[in-house]
Amino acid sequence: MVKNEKILLVDDEIGILTLLEVTLKKEHYTHIDRCTNAKQTLEMVRKTNYDLLILDVMLPDMNGFELCSMVRSHTNAPIIFISASSSDFDKLTGLSVGGDDYITKPFNPLEVVARIEALFRRQKKYQTPSYATQENQEIRAGRLILKPSDALLIFDDQKIECTAKELDLLRFFLRNPNRIYSTSQIYELVWGGVPFYGEEKTVTMHISKIRKKLEINPKSPEIIINLKGIGYKFIPPQ
């Protein structure tokens, strides 16, 4: 089956671009464009409505994180970072500037495809009218009020802006209070994909970002707590 989603690949290594393009075409993706620098990427994003971008962190004319912030002014399409750096700091930076996922080099191209398809599945799920209506309903949990349609969290009458993925995770927690979920379960239920090596860090980093917005002391959380070796539990603040 031909897949019509438009994908933009951005990397200064031609070999990686070719590997990704060949793999995606084998998986029946036919609308694939390539860029090797930031300037060209911005030009492409301005004139084409892409469904997803794969963005290298180290580009010759601009840092990929800076480029992501600029791209976000033109599109809300999912962005997957690829980088040779596996540091938690770089991963957290990528997610905080608007990235939806982060993959370290060297990588298995089929893993990249799996991540892409997980993002597309979740997008399509949200585009279903009945689902979108349900998911945009206001949710209250203790002193927390989540307004998905406004991309807004209210805590003690204070407005807190959240990214799309933070909203997904908060929606999940607020609808499932006082229950324990493993990182693999959270990844499957919130990201909509099959767990893979590294999903634990993805979940942990997003929870860390939310804690910084909610907790008095993020290093000693009281709202989203971690039960070592078991998982996470959301406790509504009363």
Protein backbone atom coordinates (compact mmCIF):
# COMPACT_ATOMS: atom_id res chain seq x y z
CA MET A 1 0.00 0.00 0.00
CA VAL A 2 1.37 3.40 -1.02
CA LYS A 3 1.83 5.80 1.92
CA ASN A 4 1.20 9.43 1.04
CA GLU A 5 2.76 11.17 4.04
CA LYS A 6 5.41 13.72 3.10
CA ILE A 7 8.73 13.26 4.90
CA LEU A 8 11.74 15.58 4.92
CA LEU A 9 15.16 14.08 5.70
CA VAL A 10 17.82 16.51 6.92
CA ASP A 11 21.45 15.39 7.35
CA ASP A 12 24.80 16.49 5.95
CA GLU A 13 25.88 12.85 5.53
CA ILE A 14 24.71 11.69 2.11
CA GLY A 15 25.11 8.05 3.13
CA ILE A 16 22.59 8.43 5.95
CA LEU A 17 20.13 10.26 3.71
CA THR A 18 20.37 7.49 1.13
CA LEU A 19 20.00 4.74 3.75
CA LEU A 20 16.88 6.34 5.20
CA GLU A 21 15.36 7.12 1.82
CA VAL A 22 15.90 3.59 0.49
CA THR A 23 14.45 2.06 3.67
CA LEU A 24 11.41 4.34 3.65
CA LYS A 25 10.72 3.61 -0.02
CA LYS A 26 10.85 -0.12 0.72
CA GLU A 27 8.15 0.57 3.31
CA HIS A 28 6.07 2.28 0.54
CA TYR A 29 6.66 5.92 1.50
CA THR A 30 6.83 7.76 -1.82
CA HIS A 31 6.98 11.48 -0.90
CA ILE A 32 10.49 11.96 0.46
CA ASP A 33 12.66 15.07 0.18
CA ARG A 34 16.26 15.55 1.29
CA CYS A 35 18.27 18.49 2.64
CA THR A 36 21.88 18.78 3.73
CA ASN A 37 21.83 22.12 5.57
CA ALA A 38 19.61 24.44 7.62
CA LYS A 39 19.10 27.10 4.96
CA GLN A 40 17.74 24.61 2.47
CA THR A 41 15.58 23.02 5.16
CA LEU A 42 13.86 26.30 6.02
CA GLU A 43 13.18 26.97 2.34
CA MET A 44 11.63 23.52 1.93
CA VAL A 45 9.48 23.82 5.07
CA ARG A 46 8.14 27.21 3.95
CA LYS A 47 6.89 25.87 0.62
CA THR A 48 5.87 22.31 1.49
CA ASN A 49 3.48 21.00 4.14
CA TYR A 50 5.46 18.06 5.54
CA ASP A 51 3.94 15.39 7.76
CA LEU A 52 7.23 14.58 9.51
CA LEU A 53 10.86 15.70 9.63
CA ILE A 54 13.97 13.73 10.52
CA LEU A 55 16.55 16.26 11.64
CA ASP A 56 20.26 15.80 12.28
CA VAL A 57 21.59 17.74 15.28
CA MET A 58 24.98 18.59 13.74
CA LEU A 59 24.53 20.52 10.51
CA PRO A 60 27.24 22.59 8.74
CA ASP A 61 25.47 25.96 8.98
CA MET A 62 23.36 25.70 12.14
CA ASN A 63 22.79 23.60 15.24
CA GLY A 64 19.83 21.27 14.73
CA PHE A 65 18.23 22.43 17.98
CA GLU A 66 18.24 26.04 16.79
CA LEU A 67 16.86 24.94 13.44
CA CYS A 68 14.06 23.03 15.15
CA SER A 69 12.92 26.19 16.96
CA MET A 70 12.80 28.04 13.62
CA VAL A 71 11.00 25.18 11.88
CA ARG A 72 8.37 25.19 14.62
CA SER A 73 7.23 28.65 13.48
CA HIS A 74 6.17 27.06 10.17
CA THR A 75 4.92 23.59 11.09
CA ASN A 76 3.69 21.43 13.96
CA ALA A 77 4.70 18.24 12.16
CA PRO A 78 6.49 15.66 14.32
CA ILE A 79 10.28 16.01 14.41
CA ILE A 80 12.65 13.13 15.10
CA PHE A 81 16.22 14.12 15.97
CA ILE A 82 19.14 11.91 14.97
CA SER A 83 22.54 12.48 16.54
CA ALA A 84 25.84 10.85 17.36
CA SER A 85 25.49 12.18 20.91
CA SER A 86 23.78 9.91 23.40
CA SER A 87 24.04 12.30 26.36
CA ASP A 88 20.92 12.83 28.43
CA PHE A 89 21.48 16.59 28.19
CA ASP A 90 21.29 16.56 24.38
CA LYS A 91 18.24 14.31 24.41
CA LEU A 92 16.46 16.53 26.90
CA THR A 93 17.42 19.61 24.86
CA GLY A 94 16.01 18.05 21.70
CA LEU A 95 12.71 17.27 23.37
CA SER A 96 12.48 20.68 25.05
CA VAL A 97 12.92 22.69 21.81
CA GLY A 98 10.06 20.90 20.08
CA GLY A 99 11.34 17.47 19.08
CA ASP A 100 9.05 14.45 19.41
CA ASP A 101 11.72 11.76 19.50
CA TYR A 102 15.52 11.34 19.58
CA ILE A 103 17.55 8.55 17.99
CA THR A 104 21.29 8.08 18.41
CA LYS A 105 23.72 7.06 15.67
CA PRO A 106 24.49 4.43 14.61
CA PHE A 107 20.89 3.27 14.29
CA ASN A 108 18.89 0.51 12.66
CA PRO A 109 16.89 2.19 9.86
CA LEU A 110 13.97 -0.15 10.57
CA GLU A 111 13.81 1.26 14.08
CA VAL A 112 13.51 4.73 12.55
CA VAL A 113 10.62 3.50 10.41
CA ALA A 114 8.94 1.99 13.49
CA ARG A 115 9.20 5.32 15.32
CA ILE A 116 7.83 7.20 12.29
CA GLU A 117 4.85 4.90 11.98
CA ALA A 118 4.12 5.15 15.71
CA LEU A 119 3.97 8.95 15.39
CA PHE A 120 1.72 8.75 12.33
CA ARG A 121 -0.63 6.29 14.08
CA ARG A 122 -1.01 8.63 17.00
CA GLN A 123 -1.63 11.62 14.71
CA LYS A 124 -4.35 9.77 12.82
CA LYS A 125 -5.92 8.69 16.07
CA TYR A 126 -6.23 12.32 17.17
CA GLN A 127 -7.68 13.33 13.81
CA THR A 128 -10.65 10.99 14.28
CA PRO A 129 -13.56 13.35 15.15
CA SER A 130 -15.06 11.36 18.05
CA TYR A 131 -11.65 10.71 19.55
CA ALA A 132 -10.56 14.33 19.17
CA THR A 133 -13.75 15.54 20.88
CA GLN A 134 -13.25 13.18 23.79
CA GLU A 135 -9.56 13.93 24.15
CA ASN A 136 -10.14 17.70 24.16
CA GLN A 137 -12.48 17.59 27.12
CA GLU A 138 -11.35 19.38 30.27
CA ILE A 139 -9.94 17.10 32.96
CA ARG A 140 -9.69 17.90 36.67
CA ALA A 141 -7.53 16.09 39.22
CA GLY A 142 -7.20 17.77 42.58
CA ARG A 143 -5.72 21.25 42.09
CA LEU A 144 -4.87 20.45 38.47
CA ILE A 145 -7.04 21.35 35.50
CA LEU A 146 -6.00 20.22 32.03
CA LYS A 147 -7.48 21.96 28.98
CA PRO A 148 -6.17 20.01 25.96
CA SER A 149 -7.96 22.18 23.38
CA ASP A 150 -6.07 25.23 24.69
CA ALA A 151 -2.79 23.32 25.22
CA LEU A 152 -2.97 24.57 28.78
CA LEU A 153 -2.50 23.25 32.30
CA ILE A 154 -3.83 25.20 35.28
CA PHE A 155 -2.30 24.53 38.69
CA ASP A 156 -3.41 26.57 41.71
CA ASP A 157 -4.99 29.09 39.31
CA GLN A 158 -1.66 29.54 37.49
CA LYS A 159 -1.53 28.88 33.75
CA ILE A 160 1.25 26.55 32.64
CA GLU A 161 2.01 26.09 28.94
CA CYS A 162 2.80 22.57 27.77
CA THR A 163 4.12 20.94 24.63
CA ALA A 164 1.92 18.51 22.70
CA LYS A 165 3.69 15.48 24.10
CA GLU A 166 3.54 16.84 27.65
CA LEU A 167 -0.21 17.23 27.18
CA ASP A 168 -0.46 13.63 26.00
CA LEU A 169 1.41 12.41 29.08
CA LEU A 170 -0.53 14.65 31.48
CA ARG A 171 -3.83 13.55 29.95
CA PHE A 172 -2.84 9.94 30.54
CA PHE A 173 -1.84 10.54 34.15
CA LEU A 174 -4.88 12.66 35.04
CA ARG A 175 -7.18 9.99 33.65
CA ASN A 176 -5.37 7.23 35.52
CA PRO A 177 -4.62 8.59 39.00
CA ASN A 178 -3.11 6.49 41.80
CA ARG A 179 -2.24 3.64 39.46
CA ILE A 180 1.25 2.32 38.79
CA TYR A 181 2.53 2.00 35.21
CA SER A 182 5.90 0.77 34.01
CA THR A 183 7.85 2.90 31.53
CA SER A 184 7.09 0.35 28.80
CA GLN A 185 3.36 0.57 29.50
CA ILE A 186 3.48 4.37 29.48
CA TYR A 187 5.38 4.39 26.20
CA GLU A 188 2.87 2.04 24.56
CA LEU A 189 -0.18 3.93 25.85
CA VAL A 190 1.06 7.51 25.35
CA TRP A 191 3.46 7.26 22.40
CA GLY A 192 1.39 4.58 20.69
CA GLY A 193 4.37 2.46 19.71
CA VAL A 194 5.98 -0.84 20.49
CA PRO A 195 8.57 -0.50 23.31
CA PHE A 196 12.18 -0.38 22.14
CA TYR A 197 15.58 -0.08 23.75
CA GLY A 198 15.69 3.52 24.94
CA GLU A 199 11.97 4.10 25.55
CA GLU A 200 12.73 4.38 29.28
CA LYS A 201 14.80 7.55 28.75
CA THR A 202 12.15 9.05 26.47
CA VAL A 203 9.46 8.59 29.14
CA THR A 204 11.76 9.69 31.97
CA MET A 205 12.79 12.90 30.22
CA HIS A 206 9.20 13.96 29.56
CA ILE A 207 8.24 13.24 33.16
CA SER A 208 11.26 15.27 34.29
CA LYS A 209 10.05 18.26 32.24
CA ILE A 210 6.56 18.01 33.73
CA ARG A 211 7.94 17.75 37.26
CA LYS A 212 9.84 21.00 36.80
CA LYS A 213 6.52 22.69 36.05
CA LEU A 214 4.52 21.12 38.88
CA GLU A 215 6.69 20.02 41.77
CA ILE A 216 7.93 22.26 44.58
CA ASN A 217 11.09 20.16 44.57
CA PRO A 218 11.42 18.17 41.32
CA LYS A 219 14.16 16.02 42.90
CA SER A 220 11.73 14.95 45.60
CA PRO A 221 8.43 14.69 43.69
CA GLU A 222 5.05 14.34 45.35
CA ILE A 223 2.77 14.41 42.29
CA ILE A 224 4.41 12.04 39.80
CA ILE A 225 6.36 9.62 41.94
CA ASN A 226 8.76 6.89 40.91
CA LEU A 227 8.51 3.47 42.53
CA LYS A 228 11.99 2.09 41.96
CA GLY A 229 12.02 -0.96 39.73
CA ILE A 230 8.23 -0.82 39.28
CA GLY A 231 7.15 2.35 37.51
CA TYR A 232 5.41 5.70 37.96
CA LYS A 233 2.28 6.78 39.81
CA PHE A 234 0.37 10.06 39.50
CA ILE A 235 -1.03 11.37 42.79
CA PRO A 236 -3.50 14.27 42.32
CA PRO A 237 -2.45 17.25 44.46
CA GLN A 238 -5.22 18.01 46.97
